[in-house]
Amino acid sequence: MTVAAVIPARYASTRFPGKPLAMIADKTMIQWVYEGVQRASRVDRVIVATDDVRIAETVRSFGGEAVMTSGKHPSGTDRIAEAVQGFDAEIVVNVQGDEPLIRGDVIDACIRPLEAGAKEPVVTPCVRIRSLEDLQNPDVVKVVKSHAGRALYFSRFPIPFDRDREIAEEDLSQLPFWKHLGLYAYRRDFLLQYSRMAPSPLEKREKLEQLRILENDYAIRVVETDYDSIGVDSPEDLDKIRDLIDEKVKEKPAPEDVTKGLMTIRNHLALEGLSLKKMIEEGRM
């Protein structure tokens, strides 16, 4: 199956205008997201869908692909639906443009069920909630799911509600609550159908677009991950991301240390009569 990942990006954000072009270390945010998506092994094509020529030119300047879309779209999903009209991809992944630390393996985890013939037309990830602050934060979307891994409901409210107790921080190690991560893998035909559906009552109340899918009696598969997304909604969030990336840069091993490590592995394999190249070819590494 051909897989296209599309990153919707607009310049005119109410809370943070020009967010995709904000600098993090030596790269724009949109470049961080683009390169993170490129690390997904199951993605064949990465595209930025934007309504702003400045964003498109920035993407093309680092070798990325960008397509211009209408400036009138009410949501990123609608922008993506326009962008993929002429694509032959069978699976389309919607990756938020404000997730500079996105991991390729999380994207792959959402693609695999569709490649394997999942009955659900949409797959999305979730991560275990570990703090009371996240549980009570309406900006952290919660999801409850069935034993089969299908979404039952998404809410900004802490769900499921526990009638018999007031949840404390220490309870979170025993009681599972799940944070929904705003990444979606769609079957292309369903994405185009979804974008034509009218906004639904629950979607309007919760301000959660994915509820439109559930209200129209379609299922969403939810896959668990250990990745906790860090989105950028404000300049303050951007400062946190910059601090995290600065820490990662400091922890990055020097090139000579990497070389020594690879040499040690190769020498060990030689002693065992094994070939590194052969093991890679056989998928054992």
Protein backbone atom coordinates (compact mmCIF):
# COMPACT_ATOMS: atom_id res chain seq x y z
CA MET A 1 0.00 0.00 0.00
CA THR A 2 1.17 3.52 -0.78
CA VAL A 3 1.22 5.83 2.24
CA ALA A 4 1.30 9.62 2.19
CA ALA A 5 1.79 11.69 5.34
CA VAL A 6 0.36 15.19 5.15
CA ILE A 7 1.23 17.99 7.56
CA PRO A 8 -1.36 20.80 7.54
CA ALA A 9 0.28 24.15 8.32
CA ARG A 10 -1.16 27.64 8.35
CA TYR A 11 0.45 30.94 9.20
CA ALA A 12 -2.53 32.82 10.64
CA SER A 13 -2.89 31.14 14.04
CA THR A 14 -4.90 33.15 16.56
CA ARG A 15 -2.75 32.24 19.56
CA PHE A 16 0.60 32.00 17.79
CA PRO A 17 0.84 33.63 14.32
CA GLY A 18 3.66 32.27 12.17
CA LYS A 19 4.08 29.20 14.37
CA PRO A 20 5.34 26.83 11.61
CA LEU A 21 8.24 29.18 10.89
CA ALA A 22 9.29 29.63 14.53
CA MET A 23 12.94 28.69 15.01
CA ILE A 24 13.99 25.80 17.24
CA ALA A 25 17.78 25.59 17.40
CA ASP A 26 18.89 25.94 13.77
CA LYS A 27 15.65 24.79 12.07
CA THR A 28 12.06 25.95 11.71
CA MET A 29 9.35 24.04 13.51
CA ILE A 30 7.92 22.77 10.23
CA GLN A 31 11.31 21.29 9.32
CA TRP A 32 11.52 19.48 12.67
CA VAL A 33 8.07 17.96 12.06
CA TYR A 34 8.85 17.08 8.44
CA GLU A 35 12.09 15.31 9.34
CA GLY A 36 10.38 13.46 12.20
CA VAL A 37 7.75 12.14 9.79
CA GLN A 38 10.45 11.09 7.32
CA ARG A 39 11.76 8.67 9.96
CA ALA A 40 8.57 6.61 9.67
CA SER A 41 9.59 3.52 7.71
CA ARG A 42 6.09 2.90 6.29
CA VAL A 43 5.59 6.40 4.82
CA ASP A 44 6.31 6.77 1.10
CA ARG A 45 5.70 10.49 0.69
CA VAL A 46 5.65 13.50 3.03
CA ILE A 47 3.79 16.68 2.04
CA VAL A 48 3.09 19.96 3.79
CA ALA A 49 -0.36 21.35 2.93
CA THR A 50 -0.46 25.11 3.48
CA ASP A 51 -2.27 28.28 2.46
CA ASP A 52 0.78 30.51 2.91
CA VAL A 53 3.55 30.93 0.34
CA ARG A 54 6.12 31.68 3.07
CA ILE A 55 5.59 28.23 4.59
CA ALA A 56 5.66 26.55 1.16
CA GLU A 57 8.91 28.29 0.23
CA THR A 58 10.51 27.36 3.56
CA VAL A 59 9.60 23.68 3.08
CA ARG A 60 10.99 23.65 -0.45
CA SER A 61 14.18 25.37 0.72
CA PHE A 62 15.13 22.35 2.85
CA GLY A 63 14.15 19.89 0.10
CA GLY A 64 10.64 19.12 1.27
CA GLU A 65 7.41 18.92 -0.73
CA ALA A 66 4.65 21.50 -0.23
CA VAL A 67 1.28 22.02 -1.89
CA MET A 68 -0.83 25.16 -1.76
CA THR A 69 -4.42 24.82 -0.53
CA SER A 70 -7.37 27.13 0.05
CA GLY A 71 -7.24 29.59 2.93
CA LYS A 72 -10.91 28.97 3.74
CA HIS A 73 -10.67 25.50 5.27
CA PRO A 74 -12.23 25.28 8.77
CA SER A 75 -9.89 22.45 9.85
CA GLY A 76 -6.64 20.68 9.08
CA THR A 77 -8.59 17.62 7.92
CA ASP A 78 -10.31 19.65 5.21
CA ARG A 79 -6.94 21.04 4.11
CA ILE A 80 -5.52 17.52 3.88
CA ALA A 81 -8.55 16.28 1.92
CA GLU A 82 -7.94 18.98 -0.68
CA ALA A 83 -4.21 18.22 -0.80
CA VAL A 84 -4.69 14.49 -1.51
CA GLN A 85 -7.34 14.86 -4.22
CA GLY A 86 -4.82 14.04 -6.92
CA PHE A 87 -2.76 11.50 -4.96
CA ASP A 88 -2.86 7.77 -5.51
CA ALA A 89 -1.99 6.97 -1.87
CA GLU A 90 -4.24 4.36 -0.28
CA ILE A 91 -3.44 5.49 3.28
CA VAL A 92 -3.18 9.12 4.36
CA VAL A 93 -1.65 10.14 7.69
CA ASN A 94 -2.60 13.45 9.28
CA VAL A 95 0.37 14.74 11.31
CA GLN A 96 -0.03 17.93 13.32
CA GLY A 97 2.32 20.71 12.23
CA ASP A 98 3.06 21.77 15.82
CA GLU A 99 4.60 18.48 17.02
CA PRO A 100 8.35 19.03 16.47
CA LEU A 101 9.29 15.93 18.49
CA ILE A 102 7.02 13.52 16.60
CA ARG A 103 8.46 10.00 16.33
CA GLY A 104 8.38 7.88 13.23
CA ASP A 105 7.59 4.68 15.12
CA VAL A 106 4.31 6.18 16.40
CA ILE A 107 3.26 6.95 12.83
CA ASP A 108 4.21 3.40 11.78
CA ALA A 109 2.13 1.96 14.62
CA CYS A 110 -0.97 3.70 13.23
CA ILE A 111 -0.32 2.59 9.67
CA ARG A 112 0.22 -1.12 10.39
CA PRO A 113 -3.41 -2.01 11.29
CA LEU A 114 -4.66 -0.48 8.03
CA GLU A 115 -2.02 -2.35 6.04
CA ALA A 116 -3.11 -5.55 7.81
CA GLY A 117 -6.74 -5.05 6.75
CA ALA A 118 -8.28 -3.50 9.88
CA LYS A 119 -12.04 -3.03 9.60
CA GLU A 120 -11.80 0.45 11.10
CA PRO A 121 -11.10 3.18 8.51
CA VAL A 122 -9.15 5.31 11.00
CA VAL A 123 -6.33 4.55 13.45
CA THR A 124 -5.06 6.94 16.11
CA PRO A 125 -2.64 6.64 19.07
CA CYS A 126 -3.00 7.10 22.81
CA VAL A 127 -0.64 7.18 25.78
CA ARG A 128 -1.19 6.44 29.47
CA ILE A 129 -1.87 9.53 31.60
CA ARG A 130 0.60 9.72 34.48
CA SER A 131 -0.24 13.04 36.13
CA LEU A 132 -3.33 14.50 37.76
CA GLU A 133 -2.59 17.79 36.01
CA ASP A 134 -2.95 16.14 32.58
CA LEU A 135 -6.07 14.26 33.65
CA GLN A 136 -7.80 17.47 34.73
CA ASN A 137 -6.51 19.66 31.88
CA PRO A 138 -9.23 20.23 29.24
CA ASP A 139 -6.54 20.78 26.61
CA VAL A 140 -5.46 17.15 27.12
CA VAL A 141 -8.03 15.05 25.28
CA LYS A 142 -8.99 11.78 26.94
CA VAL A 143 -10.20 8.62 25.21
CA VAL A 144 -11.92 5.50 26.50
CA LYS A 145 -11.73 2.34 24.41
CA SER A 146 -13.22 -1.12 24.17
CA HIS A 147 -11.47 -4.43 24.80
CA ALA A 148 -10.98 -4.67 21.03
CA GLY A 149 -9.19 -1.31 21.01
CA ARG A 150 -11.97 0.74 19.45
CA ALA A 151 -12.67 4.27 20.67
CA LEU A 152 -15.87 4.54 22.70
CA TYR A 153 -15.63 8.28 23.31
CA PHE A 154 -13.24 11.24 23.35
CA SER A 155 -13.61 14.08 25.82
CA ARG A 156 -11.88 17.03 27.40
CA PHE A 157 -13.40 15.88 30.68
CA PRO A 158 -11.60 13.23 32.78
CA ILE A 159 -13.14 9.98 31.54
CA PRO A 160 -14.08 7.45 32.70
CA PHE A 161 -15.64 9.12 35.73
CA ASP A 162 -15.09 7.18 38.95
CA ARG A 163 -18.27 7.36 41.04
CA ASP A 164 -16.75 5.84 44.17
CA ARG A 165 -13.65 7.93 44.65
CA GLU A 166 -11.92 11.20 43.92
CA ILE A 167 -8.91 10.34 41.79
CA ALA A 168 -5.56 11.17 43.36
CA GLU A 169 -2.11 11.21 41.75
CA GLU A 170 -1.17 7.83 43.25
CA ASP A 171 -4.30 6.21 41.74
CA LEU A 172 -3.02 6.76 38.20
CA SER A 173 -0.54 3.88 38.51
CA GLN A 174 -3.46 1.48 39.04
CA LEU A 175 -6.34 3.08 37.14
CA PRO A 176 -5.75 3.51 33.41
CA PHE A 177 -6.64 6.85 31.86
CA TRP A 178 -5.62 7.48 28.27
CA LYS A 179 -4.50 10.67 26.56
CA HIS A 180 -5.43 10.91 22.91
CA LEU A 181 -2.65 12.02 20.55
CA GLY A 182 -3.83 14.07 17.58
CA LEU A 183 -2.40 11.91 14.81
CA TYR A 184 -4.61 9.94 12.42
CA ALA A 185 -4.05 7.34 9.72
CA TYR A 186 -7.01 7.13 7.32
CA ARG A 187 -7.99 5.03 4.40
CA ARG A 188 -7.95 7.66 1.66
CA ASP A 189 -11.52 7.05 0.47
CA PHE A 190 -12.83 7.44 4.00
CA LEU A 191 -10.87 10.67 4.55
CA LEU A 192 -12.53 12.23 1.51
CA GLN A 193 -15.93 11.02 2.73
CA TYR A 194 -15.26 12.28 6.27
CA SER A 195 -14.33 15.76 5.04
CA ARG A 196 -17.77 16.02 3.40
CA MET A 197 -19.67 15.15 6.61
CA ALA A 198 -21.35 18.02 8.40
CA PRO A 199 -19.98 18.93 11.85
CA SER A 200 -21.83 16.84 14.44
CA PRO A 201 -23.52 17.93 17.71
CA LEU A 202 -20.96 16.31 20.04
CA GLU A 203 -18.10 17.62 17.92
CA LYS A 204 -19.46 21.15 18.30
CA ARG A 205 -19.87 20.80 22.08
CA GLU A 206 -16.48 19.24 22.83
CA LYS A 207 -14.68 20.99 19.95
CA LEU A 208 -13.26 17.60 18.97
CA GLU A 209 -13.42 16.83 15.27
CA GLN A 210 -12.97 13.06 15.69
CA LEU A 211 -16.37 12.80 17.38
CA ARG A 212 -17.89 13.40 13.95
CA ILE A 213 -16.62 9.96 12.96
CA LEU A 214 -18.18 8.21 15.95
CA GLU A 215 -21.48 10.06 15.61
CA ASN A 216 -21.73 8.89 12.02
CA ASP A 217 -21.34 5.27 13.20
CA TYR A 218 -17.80 4.66 11.99
CA ALA A 219 -15.18 3.06 14.22
CA ILE A 220 -11.75 4.36 15.21
CA ARG A 221 -8.98 1.94 16.19
CA VAL A 222 -6.83 3.22 19.08
CA VAL A 223 -3.26 1.95 19.46
CA GLU A 224 -1.22 2.36 22.65
CA THR A 225 2.20 4.00 22.60
CA ASP A 226 4.77 5.21 25.11
CA TYR A 227 5.20 8.49 23.22
CA ASP A 228 3.69 11.52 24.92
CA SER A 229 3.23 14.34 22.43
CA ILE A 230 4.32 17.86 23.22
CA GLY A 231 2.43 20.28 21.00
CA VAL A 232 3.22 23.97 20.61
CA ASP A 233 0.20 26.20 21.14
CA SER A 234 1.96 29.27 22.50
CA PRO A 235 5.39 30.95 22.69
CA GLU A 236 5.70 29.49 26.20
CA ASP A 237 5.29 25.96 24.81
CA LEU A 238 7.96 26.77 22.23
CA ASP A 239 10.41 27.69 25.01
CA LYS A 240 9.81 24.28 26.63
CA ILE A 241 10.52 22.52 23.33
CA ARG A 242 13.71 24.54 22.87
CA ASP A 243 14.88 23.53 26.34
CA LEU A 244 14.15 19.85 25.62
CA ILE A 245 16.01 19.94 22.32
CA ASP A 246 18.96 21.72 23.95
CA GLU A 247 19.10 18.86 26.45
CA LYS A 248 19.00 16.27 23.66
CA VAL A 249 21.84 18.03 21.84
CA LYS A 250 23.95 17.99 25.00
CA GLU A 251 23.27 14.26 25.47
CA LYS A 252 24.07 13.39 21.83
CA PRO A 253 27.26 11.30 21.65
CA ALA A 254 30.25 12.69 19.79
CA PRO A 255 30.85 11.21 16.29
CA GLU A 256 33.99 9.44 17.48
CA ASP A 257 32.01 7.74 20.27
CA VAL A 258 29.46 6.50 17.73
CA THR A 259 32.26 5.15 15.55
CA LYS A 260 33.85 3.34 18.49
CA GLY A 261 30.49 1.80 19.38
CA LEU A 262 29.93 0.53 15.84
CA MET A 263 33.46 -0.90 15.72
CA THR A 264 32.85 -2.75 18.99
CA ILE A 265 29.64 -4.28 17.61
CA ARG A 266 31.36 -5.29 14.37
CA ASN A 267 34.29 -6.89 16.23
CA HIS A 268 31.93 -8.79 18.52
CA LEU A 269 29.97 -10.12 15.56
CA ALA A 270 33.19 -11.17 13.83
CA LEU A 271 34.18 -13.19 16.88
CA GLU A 272 30.80 -14.90 16.71
CA GLY A 273 31.25 -15.56 13.00
CA LEU A 274 28.36 -13.24 12.10
CA SER A 275 28.07 -10.54 9.43
CA LEU A 276 26.52 -7.18 10.31
CA LYS A 277 25.41 -6.67 6.72
CA LYS A 278 23.82 -10.13 6.57
CA MET A 279 21.97 -9.58 9.85
CA ILE A 280 20.55 -6.28 8.56
CA GLU A 281 19.48 -7.95 5.30
CA GLU A 282 17.77 -10.72 7.27
CA GLY A 283 15.96 -8.16 9.42
CA ARG A 284 17.69 -9.27 12.63
CA MET A 285 18.96 -5.75 13.33
